[in-house]
Amino acid sequence: MLPPGEYEARINEVVFSPNRNQTGHWLRVRFEVQTAEYKGKWISRFYNVDHPNENVVERARRDLDLLLDAIKMKGFKDEQALMNKSCKLLVDIDRDDATKNRIVDTLPSERGGSVDPRAAEIAEFFGADQITTKPVERQPSSGQPWNNQ
């Protein structure tokens, strides 16, 4: 488990799959930490991109927009286009399970993200209106983002 903080990371696995109840789909993105002390550790984030609850889908779209902004991509046709992209993760302890981490935010990497030639393409499997290139407004935080309740 990672202590709360900021970590440079690289996407090393992306899986698109039906959810457990077969009522939608999720995209799981696994990040490998590149920060020296924790290099090689990994943490995953699930994006419920297709779900019966529209609020869940809206949150996933917003969070996926933040990821795409952080890795300097405008969209993608194939989820594998996310592979090997770099970003910075803000990580905290999961509120529901203190033995797990959660990703609070994704930010541009200080190392710079690799740019895939397919970056301008919009994800066909999500639908053209679901992944956007609109600027993402970040909420101001009081203190460190991983300490916000």
N, C-alpha and C. Protein backbone atom coordinates (compact mmCIF):
# COMPACT_ATOMS: atom_id res chain seq x y z
N MET A 1 0.84 -1.18 0.00
CA MET A 1 0.00 0.00 0.00
C MET A 1 0.89 1.25 0.00
N LEU A 2 0.43 2.27 -0.69
CA LEU A 2 1.16 3.52 -0.78
C LEU A 2 0.70 4.50 0.31
N PRO A 3 1.62 5.24 0.90
CA PRO A 3 1.18 6.29 1.81
C PRO A 3 0.54 7.42 1.01
N PRO A 4 -0.37 8.19 1.60
CA PRO A 4 -0.98 9.32 0.87
C PRO A 4 0.10 10.25 0.33
N GLY A 5 -0.10 10.70 -0.91
CA GLY A 5 0.85 11.61 -1.51
C GLY A 5 0.74 11.66 -3.01
N GLU A 6 1.72 12.30 -3.64
CA GLU A 6 1.80 12.44 -5.10
C GLU A 6 2.81 11.45 -5.64
N TYR A 7 2.45 10.80 -6.75
CA TYR A 7 3.33 9.81 -7.35
C TYR A 7 3.34 9.96 -8.87
N GLU A 8 4.53 9.93 -9.45
CA GLU A 8 4.64 9.82 -10.90
C GLU A 8 4.27 8.38 -11.24
N ALA A 9 3.49 8.20 -12.31
CA ALA A 9 3.03 6.86 -12.66
C ALA A 9 2.93 6.71 -14.18
N ARG A 10 2.90 5.45 -14.60
CA ARG A 10 2.77 5.10 -16.02
C ARG A 10 1.67 4.06 -16.13
N ILE A 11 0.81 4.20 -17.12
CA ILE A 11 -0.26 3.23 -17.34
C ILE A 11 0.37 1.96 -17.90
N ASN A 12 0.14 0.83 -17.22
CA ASN A 12 0.75 -0.42 -17.69
C ASN A 12 -0.27 -1.51 -17.99
N GLU A 13 -1.57 -1.22 -17.79
CA GLU A 13 -2.60 -2.19 -18.17
C GLU A 13 -3.93 -1.46 -18.29
N VAL A 14 -4.69 -1.80 -19.32
CA VAL A 14 -6.02 -1.23 -19.53
C VAL A 14 -6.95 -2.36 -19.93
N VAL A 15 -8.08 -2.48 -19.23
CA VAL A 15 -9.04 -3.55 -19.51
C VAL A 15 -10.43 -2.93 -19.61
N PHE A 16 -11.15 -3.27 -20.67
CA PHE A 16 -12.55 -2.87 -20.86
C PHE A 16 -13.38 -4.13 -20.71
N SER A 17 -14.37 -4.13 -19.79
CA SER A 17 -15.09 -5.37 -19.50
C SER A 17 -16.51 -5.09 -19.02
N PRO A 18 -17.41 -6.07 -19.20
CA PRO A 18 -18.74 -5.94 -18.60
C PRO A 18 -18.63 -5.94 -17.07
N ASN A 19 -19.54 -5.23 -16.42
CA ASN A 19 -19.53 -5.25 -14.96
C ASN A 19 -20.09 -6.58 -14.45
N ARG A 20 -19.96 -6.79 -13.16
CA ARG A 20 -20.35 -8.06 -12.53
C ARG A 20 -21.81 -8.43 -12.80
N ASN A 21 -22.71 -7.43 -12.78
CA ASN A 21 -24.14 -7.70 -12.97
C ASN A 21 -24.58 -7.70 -14.43
N GLN A 22 -23.62 -7.51 -15.34
CA GLN A 22 -23.92 -7.47 -16.77
C GLN A 22 -24.89 -6.33 -17.13
N THR A 23 -24.84 -5.24 -16.37
CA THR A 23 -25.72 -4.09 -16.63
C THR A 23 -24.96 -2.91 -17.22
N GLY A 24 -23.68 -3.09 -17.48
CA GLY A 24 -22.87 -2.01 -18.02
C GLY A 24 -21.44 -2.47 -18.22
N HIS A 25 -20.56 -1.51 -18.40
CA HIS A 25 -19.14 -1.80 -18.64
C HIS A 25 -18.27 -0.87 -17.82
N TRP A 26 -17.08 -1.36 -17.51
CA TRP A 26 -16.08 -0.52 -16.85
C TRP A 26 -14.78 -0.60 -17.61
N LEU A 27 -14.00 0.44 -17.42
CA LEU A 27 -12.66 0.51 -17.94
C LEU A 27 -11.75 0.55 -16.71
N ARG A 28 -10.86 -0.44 -16.60
CA ARG A 28 -9.91 -0.45 -15.48
C ARG A 28 -8.55 -0.03 -16.03
N VAL A 29 -7.99 0.99 -15.40
CA VAL A 29 -6.67 1.48 -15.78
C VAL A 29 -5.74 1.19 -14.61
N ARG A 30 -4.66 0.45 -14.88
CA ARG A 30 -3.68 0.15 -13.83
C ARG A 30 -2.43 0.99 -14.07
N PHE A 31 -2.00 1.64 -13.02
CA PHE A 31 -0.83 2.51 -13.06
C PHE A 31 0.32 1.86 -12.31
N GLU A 32 1.51 1.96 -12.87
CA GLU A 32 2.72 1.52 -12.18
C GLU A 32 3.46 2.77 -11.69
N VAL A 33 3.72 2.83 -10.40
CA VAL A 33 4.39 3.98 -9.80
C VAL A 33 5.82 4.04 -10.32
N GLN A 34 6.25 5.26 -10.67
CA GLN A 34 7.61 5.50 -11.17
C GLN A 34 8.45 6.28 -10.15
N THR A 35 7.81 6.80 -9.10
CA THR A 35 8.52 7.53 -8.06
C THR A 35 9.49 6.58 -7.37
N ALA A 36 10.74 7.02 -7.22
CA ALA A 36 11.85 6.15 -6.81
C ALA A 36 11.55 5.19 -5.66
N GLU A 37 11.14 5.69 -4.53
CA GLU A 37 10.97 4.84 -3.35
C GLU A 37 9.92 3.75 -3.54
N TYR A 38 8.91 4.02 -4.36
CA TYR A 38 7.80 3.08 -4.55
C TYR A 38 7.74 2.54 -5.97
N LYS A 39 8.79 2.73 -6.74
CA LYS A 39 8.83 2.30 -8.14
C LYS A 39 8.45 0.82 -8.26
N GLY A 40 7.54 0.54 -9.19
CA GLY A 40 7.11 -0.84 -9.43
C GLY A 40 5.80 -1.20 -8.74
N LYS A 41 5.40 -0.46 -7.72
CA LYS A 41 4.10 -0.72 -7.09
C LYS A 41 3.03 -0.23 -8.05
N TRP A 42 1.83 -0.80 -7.94
CA TRP A 42 0.77 -0.38 -8.84
C TRP A 42 -0.53 -0.12 -8.09
N ILE A 43 -1.38 0.67 -8.75
CA ILE A 43 -2.69 1.03 -8.23
C ILE A 43 -3.63 1.14 -9.42
N SER A 44 -4.88 0.70 -9.25
CA SER A 44 -5.86 0.71 -10.34
C SER A 44 -6.98 1.69 -10.07
N ARG A 45 -7.60 2.12 -11.17
CA ARG A 45 -8.78 2.97 -11.09
C ARG A 45 -9.82 2.40 -12.05
N PHE A 46 -11.06 2.28 -11.58
CA PHE A 46 -12.16 1.80 -12.42
C PHE A 46 -13.00 3.00 -12.86
N TYR A 47 -13.37 3.00 -14.13
CA TYR A 47 -14.26 4.02 -14.69
C TYR A 47 -15.50 3.30 -15.20
N ASN A 48 -16.64 3.49 -14.54
CA ASN A 48 -17.90 2.85 -14.94
C ASN A 48 -18.49 3.64 -16.11
N VAL A 49 -18.08 3.30 -17.31
CA VAL A 49 -18.42 4.09 -18.48
C VAL A 49 -19.81 3.79 -19.05
N ASP A 50 -20.41 2.71 -18.62
CA ASP A 50 -21.75 2.32 -19.07
C ASP A 50 -22.42 1.68 -17.87
N HIS A 51 -23.47 2.32 -17.37
CA HIS A 51 -24.09 1.88 -16.11
C HIS A 51 -25.54 2.36 -16.09
N PRO A 52 -26.45 1.62 -15.44
CA PRO A 52 -27.85 2.05 -15.38
C PRO A 52 -28.04 3.37 -14.62
N ASN A 53 -27.15 3.68 -13.69
CA ASN A 53 -27.24 4.92 -12.93
C ASN A 53 -26.47 6.00 -13.68
N GLU A 54 -27.17 6.98 -14.23
CA GLU A 54 -26.55 8.03 -15.03
C GLU A 54 -25.55 8.86 -14.22
N ASN A 55 -25.76 9.00 -12.91
CA ASN A 55 -24.80 9.74 -12.08
C ASN A 55 -23.44 9.03 -12.04
N VAL A 56 -23.46 7.71 -12.03
CA VAL A 56 -22.22 6.93 -12.03
C VAL A 56 -21.48 7.16 -13.35
N VAL A 57 -22.21 7.15 -14.45
CA VAL A 57 -21.61 7.37 -15.76
C VAL A 57 -21.05 8.79 -15.86
N GLU A 58 -21.79 9.77 -15.36
CA GLU A 58 -21.34 11.15 -15.41
C GLU A 58 -20.02 11.32 -14.64
N ARG A 59 -19.94 10.71 -13.47
CA ARG A 59 -18.70 10.80 -12.68
C ARG A 59 -17.55 10.12 -13.42
N ALA A 60 -17.81 8.96 -14.02
CA ALA A 60 -16.77 8.25 -14.76
C ALA A 60 -16.29 9.09 -15.94
N ARG A 61 -17.20 9.73 -16.65
CA ARG A 61 -16.82 10.58 -17.77
C ARG A 61 -15.95 11.74 -17.30
N ARG A 62 -16.35 12.37 -16.20
CA ARG A 62 -15.57 13.48 -15.66
C ARG A 62 -14.17 13.00 -15.26
N ASP A 63 -14.09 11.88 -14.55
CA ASP A 63 -12.80 11.36 -14.11
C ASP A 63 -11.94 10.91 -15.29
N LEU A 64 -12.57 10.34 -16.29
CA LEU A 64 -11.82 9.93 -17.49
C LEU A 64 -11.32 11.15 -18.25
N ASP A 65 -12.12 12.21 -18.29
CA ASP A 65 -11.66 13.47 -18.90
C ASP A 65 -10.43 14.00 -18.17
N LEU A 66 -10.41 13.89 -16.84
CA LEU A 66 -9.24 14.33 -16.07
C LEU A 66 -8.01 13.51 -16.44
N LEU A 67 -8.20 12.19 -16.58
CA LEU A 67 -7.09 11.33 -16.97
C LEU A 67 -6.58 11.71 -18.35
N LEU A 68 -7.49 11.85 -19.32
CA LEU A 68 -7.08 12.20 -20.67
C LEU A 68 -6.36 13.55 -20.71
N ASP A 69 -6.84 14.50 -19.93
CA ASP A 69 -6.18 15.79 -19.83
C ASP A 69 -4.76 15.62 -19.26
N ALA A 70 -4.63 14.79 -18.24
CA ALA A 70 -3.33 14.59 -17.60
C ALA A 70 -2.32 13.92 -18.52
N ILE A 71 -2.78 13.01 -19.37
CA ILE A 71 -1.84 12.30 -20.26
C ILE A 71 -1.80 12.93 -21.66
N LYS A 72 -2.42 14.10 -21.78
CA LYS A 72 -2.37 14.89 -23.01
C LYS A 72 -2.96 14.16 -24.21
N MET A 73 -4.10 13.52 -23.98
CA MET A 73 -4.84 12.87 -25.06
C MET A 73 -6.21 13.52 -25.17
N LYS A 74 -6.73 13.57 -26.36
CA LYS A 74 -8.05 14.14 -26.59
C LYS A 74 -9.13 13.07 -26.65
N GLY A 75 -8.76 11.84 -26.82
CA GLY A 75 -9.70 10.73 -26.92
C GLY A 75 -8.94 9.51 -27.43
N PHE A 76 -9.67 8.45 -27.70
CA PHE A 76 -9.03 7.24 -28.20
C PHE A 76 -10.07 6.34 -28.82
N LYS A 77 -9.63 5.53 -29.79
CA LYS A 77 -10.50 4.53 -30.42
C LYS A 77 -10.35 3.19 -29.75
N ASP A 78 -9.17 2.90 -29.30
CA ASP A 78 -8.85 1.61 -28.70
C ASP A 78 -8.28 1.90 -27.32
N GLU A 79 -8.81 1.25 -26.30
CA GLU A 79 -8.35 1.52 -24.94
C GLU A 79 -6.85 1.29 -24.76
N GLN A 80 -6.26 0.47 -25.63
CA GLN A 80 -4.83 0.22 -25.54
C GLN A 80 -3.99 1.45 -25.90
N ALA A 81 -4.62 2.46 -26.49
CA ALA A 81 -3.92 3.71 -26.79
C ALA A 81 -3.47 4.42 -25.50
N LEU A 82 -4.07 4.04 -24.38
CA LEU A 82 -3.68 4.65 -23.09
C LEU A 82 -2.37 4.08 -22.55
N MET A 83 -1.97 2.93 -23.06
CA MET A 83 -0.79 2.24 -22.53
C MET A 83 0.46 3.11 -22.58
N ASN A 84 1.25 2.99 -21.50
CA ASN A 84 2.56 3.64 -21.36
C ASN A 84 2.50 5.16 -21.29
N LYS A 85 1.33 5.72 -21.08
CA LYS A 85 1.22 7.16 -20.88
C LYS A 85 1.56 7.47 -19.42
N SER A 86 2.16 8.63 -19.20
CA SER A 86 2.58 9.03 -17.87
C SER A 86 1.71 10.14 -17.32
N CYS A 87 1.53 10.13 -16.00
CA CYS A 87 0.79 11.18 -15.31
C CYS A 87 1.24 11.19 -13.85
N LYS A 88 0.72 12.14 -13.13
CA LYS A 88 0.95 12.21 -11.69
C LYS A 88 -0.35 11.82 -11.00
N LEU A 89 -0.27 10.98 -9.99
CA LEU A 89 -1.45 10.56 -9.23
C LEU A 89 -1.42 11.17 -7.83
N LEU A 90 -2.57 11.64 -7.38
CA LEU A 90 -2.73 12.00 -5.98
C LEU A 90 -3.44 10.81 -5.34
N VAL A 91 -2.79 10.21 -4.37
CA VAL A 91 -3.26 8.96 -3.77
C VAL A 91 -3.58 9.17 -2.30
N ASP A 92 -4.63 8.52 -1.84
CA ASP A 92 -5.04 8.56 -0.44
C ASP A 92 -5.40 7.15 0.00
N ILE A 93 -5.72 7.01 1.28
CA ILE A 93 -6.23 5.75 1.81
C ILE A 93 -7.72 5.70 1.51
N ASP A 94 -8.22 4.56 1.07
CA ASP A 94 -9.63 4.39 0.77
C ASP A 94 -10.46 4.63 2.02
N ARG A 95 -11.51 5.42 1.90
CA ARG A 95 -12.38 5.74 3.05
C ARG A 95 -13.14 4.53 3.56
N ASP A 96 -13.45 3.59 2.67
CA ASP A 96 -14.24 2.42 3.05
C ASP A 96 -13.39 1.23 3.47
N ASP A 97 -12.14 1.22 3.08
CA ASP A 97 -11.26 0.09 3.38
C ASP A 97 -9.83 0.61 3.59
N ALA A 98 -9.44 0.75 4.83
CA ALA A 98 -8.15 1.34 5.18
C ALA A 98 -6.96 0.49 4.74
N THR A 99 -7.22 -0.69 4.18
CA THR A 99 -6.12 -1.53 3.68
C THR A 99 -5.86 -1.29 2.19
N LYS A 100 -6.62 -0.35 1.59
CA LYS A 100 -6.49 -0.07 0.16
C LYS A 100 -6.25 1.41 -0.08
N ASN A 101 -5.68 1.68 -1.25
CA ASN A 101 -5.51 3.06 -1.71
C ASN A 101 -6.65 3.44 -2.64
N ARG A 102 -6.78 4.73 -2.85
CA ARG A 102 -7.67 5.24 -3.89
C ARG A 102 -6.98 6.40 -4.57
N ILE A 103 -7.25 6.56 -5.84
CA ILE A 103 -6.70 7.68 -6.60
C ILE A 103 -7.66 8.84 -6.47
N VAL A 104 -7.17 9.95 -5.94
CA VAL A 104 -7.99 11.13 -5.71
C VAL A 104 -8.04 12.00 -6.97
N ASP A 105 -6.91 12.08 -7.68
CA ASP A 105 -6.85 12.94 -8.86
C ASP A 105 -5.72 12.47 -9.77
N THR A 106 -5.82 12.82 -11.03
CA THR A 106 -4.75 12.58 -12.00
C THR A 106 -4.35 13.93 -12.56
N LEU A 107 -3.05 14.18 -12.60
CA LEU A 107 -2.51 15.46 -13.06
C LEU A 107 -1.43 15.21 -14.12
N PRO A 108 -1.10 16.23 -14.91
CA PRO A 108 -0.03 16.04 -15.88
C PRO A 108 1.28 15.66 -15.19
N SER A 109 2.02 14.81 -15.83
CA SER A 109 3.30 14.35 -15.29
C SER A 109 4.36 15.42 -15.44
N GLU A 110 5.25 15.49 -14.47
CA GLU A 110 6.39 16.38 -14.59
C GLU A 110 7.34 15.86 -15.65
N ARG A 111 7.26 14.56 -15.94
CA ARG A 111 8.11 13.94 -16.95
C ARG A 111 7.55 14.13 -18.35
N GLY A 112 6.29 14.54 -18.44
CA GLY A 112 5.64 14.70 -19.74
C GLY A 112 5.03 13.39 -20.19
N GLY A 113 3.84 13.44 -20.77
CA GLY A 113 3.18 12.23 -21.24
C GLY A 113 3.64 11.90 -22.65
N SER A 114 3.72 10.64 -22.96
CA SER A 114 4.03 10.27 -24.34
C SER A 114 2.79 10.53 -25.17
N VAL A 115 2.97 10.96 -26.38
CA VAL A 115 1.82 11.29 -27.22
C VAL A 115 1.67 10.24 -28.30
N ASP A 116 0.52 9.63 -28.33
CA ASP A 116 0.21 8.59 -29.30
C ASP A 116 -0.35 9.27 -30.56
N PRO A 117 -0.02 8.82 -31.76
CA PRO A 117 -0.56 9.44 -32.97
C PRO A 117 -2.08 9.36 -33.06
N ARG A 118 -2.70 8.46 -32.31
CA ARG A 118 -4.16 8.33 -32.34
C ARG A 118 -4.83 9.22 -31.31
N ALA A 119 -4.07 10.10 -30.65
CA ALA A 119 -4.59 10.88 -29.52
C ALA A 119 -5.80 11.73 -29.87
N ALA A 120 -5.91 12.20 -31.09
CA ALA A 120 -7.01 13.08 -31.45
C ALA A 120 -8.31 12.33 -31.73
N GLU A 121 -8.28 11.03 -31.81
CA GLU A 121 -9.48 10.26 -32.15
C GLU A 121 -10.38 10.07 -30.94
N ILE A 122 -11.65 10.15 -31.15
CA ILE A 122 -12.62 9.99 -30.08
C ILE A 122 -13.00 8.52 -29.95
N ALA A 123 -13.17 8.08 -28.72
CA ALA A 123 -13.43 6.66 -28.45
C ALA A 123 -14.74 6.20 -29.08
N GLU A 124 -14.64 5.30 -30.04
CA GLU A 124 -15.83 4.80 -30.72
C GLU A 124 -16.66 3.91 -29.81
N PHE A 125 -16.01 3.12 -28.97
CA PHE A 125 -16.80 2.20 -28.15
C PHE A 125 -17.54 2.90 -27.03
N PHE A 126 -17.19 4.18 -26.73
CA PHE A 126 -17.96 4.95 -25.75
C PHE A 126 -19.00 5.82 -26.43
N GLY A 127 -18.82 6.10 -27.69
CA GLY A 127 -19.69 7.03 -28.39
C GLY A 127 -19.02 8.38 -28.46
N ALA A 128 -19.14 9.04 -29.56
CA ALA A 128 -18.42 10.29 -29.80
C ALA A 128 -18.77 11.39 -28.80
N ASP A 129 -19.95 11.37 -28.22
CA ASP A 129 -20.34 12.44 -27.30
C ASP A 129 -19.92 12.16 -25.86
N GLN A 130 -19.27 11.05 -25.59
CA GLN A 130 -18.98 10.70 -24.22
C GLN A 130 -17.59 11.06 -23.75
N ILE A 131 -16.63 11.11 -24.64
CA ILE A 131 -15.29 11.56 -24.25
C ILE A 131 -15.07 12.87 -24.94
N THR A 132 -14.84 13.90 -24.17
CA THR A 132 -14.73 15.24 -24.73
C THR A 132 -13.34 15.80 -24.50
N THR A 133 -13.09 16.91 -25.14
CA THR A 133 -11.82 17.60 -24.95
C THR A 133 -12.06 18.92 -24.23
N LYS A 134 -13.22 19.07 -23.63
CA LYS A 134 -13.52 20.33 -22.95
C LYS A 134 -12.57 20.51 -21.76
N PRO A 135 -12.25 21.76 -21.43
CA PRO A 135 -11.40 21.99 -20.27
C PRO A 135 -12.09 21.47 -19.01
N VAL A 136 -11.34 20.92 -18.12
CA VAL A 136 -11.88 20.36 -16.90
C VAL A 136 -11.63 21.34 -15.78
N GLU A 137 -12.70 21.75 -15.10
CA GLU A 137 -12.55 22.66 -13.97
C GLU A 137 -12.24 21.84 -12.73
N ARG A 138 -11.14 22.15 -12.11
CA ARG A 138 -10.75 21.47 -10.89
C ARG A 138 -11.26 22.27 -9.71
N GLN A 139 -11.77 21.59 -8.72
CA GLN A 139 -12.26 22.25 -7.52
C GLN A 139 -11.07 22.66 -6.65
N PRO A 140 -11.09 23.90 -6.14
CA PRO A 140 -10.00 24.29 -5.25
C PRO A 140 -10.04 23.44 -3.98
N SER A 141 -8.88 23.15 -3.46
CA SER A 141 -8.83 22.33 -2.27
C SER A 141 -8.34 23.15 -1.10
N SER A 142 -8.69 22.70 0.07
CA SER A 142 -8.17 23.34 1.28
C SER A 142 -7.05 22.44 1.77
N GLY A 143 -5.84 22.90 1.63
CA GLY A 143 -4.71 22.07 2.03
C GLY A 143 -4.40 21.05 0.96
N GLN A 144 -3.92 19.90 1.35
CA GLN A 144 -3.54 18.85 0.41
C GLN A 144 -4.78 18.13 -0.08
N PRO A 145 -4.89 17.89 -1.40
CA PRO A 145 -6.10 17.27 -1.97
C PRO A 145 -6.47 15.93 -1.35
N TRP A 146 -5.48 15.15 -0.93
CA TRP A 146 -5.80 13.84 -0.39
C TRP A 146 -6.32 13.91 1.03
N ASN A 147 -6.35 15.12 1.63
CA ASN A 147 -6.90 15.26 2.99
C ASN A 147 -8.32 15.80 2.98
N ASN A 148 -8.87 16.13 1.81
CA ASN A 148 -10.23 16.66 1.74
C ASN A 148 -11.23 15.58 2.12
N GLN A 149 -12.21 15.92 2.88
CA GLN A 149 -13.25 14.96 3.28
C GLN A 149 -14.54 15.27 2.54
